[in-house]
Amino acid sequence: MPVARRSLGEGHITTLRLRWVYAEALYKDDDATLDDLREAVTTLEDSERTARRVFGGEHPLAAGIGLFLSEARAALRAREAPAAA
């Protein structure tokens, strides 16, 4: 991803899609650690913010990232809950 960010730019649709897929792989992994889940949420938050700024909130990419961000946050909350108990 660093090459995509450097050569295409932070707001390029391909860079955003790569970051989205990377985060998805992290949080959907059954063996994901808490750090993996946190990284996924952080990556999706940053990607959603960039997609909304570049393409607008109604763009399908921004909406899709937002949906996956909700799922990643839910996965993180579910994993953190037993640790807090």
Protein backbone atom coordinates (compact mmCIF):
# COMPACT_ATOMS: atom_id res chain seq x y z
CA MET A 1 0.00 0.00 0.00
CA PRO A 2 2.80 2.47 0.56
CA VAL A 3 3.64 2.29 -3.15
CA ALA A 4 0.01 2.92 -4.12
CA ARG A 5 -0.20 5.85 -1.74
CA ARG A 6 3.03 7.31 -3.04
CA SER A 7 2.41 6.77 -6.75
CA LEU A 8 -1.37 7.19 -6.99
CA GLY A 9 -2.06 9.42 -4.02
CA GLU A 10 -3.97 9.07 -0.77
CA GLY A 11 -7.33 9.91 -2.36
CA HIS A 12 -7.07 7.73 -5.46
CA ILE A 13 -9.88 5.22 -5.74
CA THR A 14 -7.45 2.30 -6.12
CA THR A 15 -5.54 3.30 -2.99
CA LEU A 16 -8.79 3.57 -1.04
CA ARG A 17 -9.98 0.18 -2.29
CA LEU A 18 -6.66 -1.43 -1.33
CA ARG A 19 -6.92 -0.02 2.18
CA TRP A 20 -10.54 -1.17 2.41
CA VAL A 21 -9.68 -4.75 1.41
CA TYR A 22 -6.69 -4.78 3.75
CA ALA A 23 -8.84 -3.70 6.70
CA GLU A 24 -11.53 -6.21 5.76
CA ALA A 25 -8.98 -9.01 5.75
CA LEU A 26 -7.81 -7.94 9.19
CA TYR A 27 -11.17 -7.80 10.93
CA LYS A 28 -12.74 -10.83 9.24
CA ASP A 29 -9.83 -13.08 10.17
CA ASP A 30 -10.96 -15.56 12.82
CA ASP A 31 -7.51 -15.35 14.41
CA ALA A 32 -7.37 -11.54 14.43
CA THR A 33 -5.82 -10.03 17.52
CA LEU A 34 -7.14 -6.96 19.29
CA ASP A 35 -4.37 -4.98 17.62
CA ASP A 36 -5.49 -6.28 14.21
CA LEU A 37 -9.06 -5.20 14.91
CA ARG A 38 -7.93 -1.79 16.10
CA GLU A 39 -5.79 -1.37 13.00
CA ALA A 40 -8.74 -2.34 10.81
CA VAL A 41 -10.98 0.24 12.48
CA THR A 42 -8.33 2.95 12.25
CA THR A 43 -7.66 2.16 8.59
CA LEU A 44 -11.35 2.23 7.73
CA GLU A 45 -11.94 5.46 9.67
CA ASP A 46 -9.13 7.15 7.79
CA SER A 47 -10.25 5.70 4.45
CA GLU A 48 -13.87 6.72 4.97
CA ARG A 49 -12.84 10.25 5.88
CA THR A 50 -10.68 10.49 2.76
CA ALA A 51 -13.35 8.96 0.49
CA ARG A 52 -15.99 11.39 1.78
CA ARG A 53 -13.66 14.34 1.28
CA VAL A 54 -12.63 13.30 -2.23
CA PHE A 55 -15.84 11.74 -3.60
CA GLY A 56 -18.60 12.95 -1.29
CA GLY A 57 -20.63 11.11 1.30
CA GLU A 58 -23.08 9.64 -1.21
CA HIS A 59 -20.42 7.99 -3.34
CA PRO A 60 -20.71 4.17 -3.30
CA LEU A 61 -17.09 3.80 -2.19
CA ALA A 62 -17.58 6.07 0.82
CA ALA A 63 -20.83 4.32 1.71
CA GLY A 64 -19.26 0.88 1.37
CA ILE A 65 -16.31 1.77 3.53
CA GLY A 66 -18.73 3.18 6.09
CA LEU A 67 -20.65 -0.09 6.19
CA PHE A 68 -17.50 -2.11 6.70
CA LEU A 69 -16.37 0.37 9.35
CA SER A 70 -19.57 -0.36 11.29
CA GLU A 71 -18.88 -4.09 11.04
CA ALA A 72 -15.26 -3.67 12.12
CA ARG A 73 -16.28 -1.56 15.11
CA ALA A 74 -18.81 -4.21 16.11
CA ALA A 75 -16.15 -6.92 15.85
CA LEU A 76 -13.80 -4.83 17.98
CA ARG A 77 -16.48 -4.18 20.62
CA ALA A 78 -17.35 -7.87 20.74
CA ARG A 79 -13.72 -8.82 21.25
CA GLU A 80 -13.08 -6.12 23.86
CA ALA A 81 -16.21 -6.96 25.88
CA PRO A 82 -14.89 -10.23 27.37
CA ALA A 83 -11.60 -8.54 28.23
CA ALA A 84 -13.46 -5.82 30.14
CA ALA A 85 -15.54 -8.31 32.12
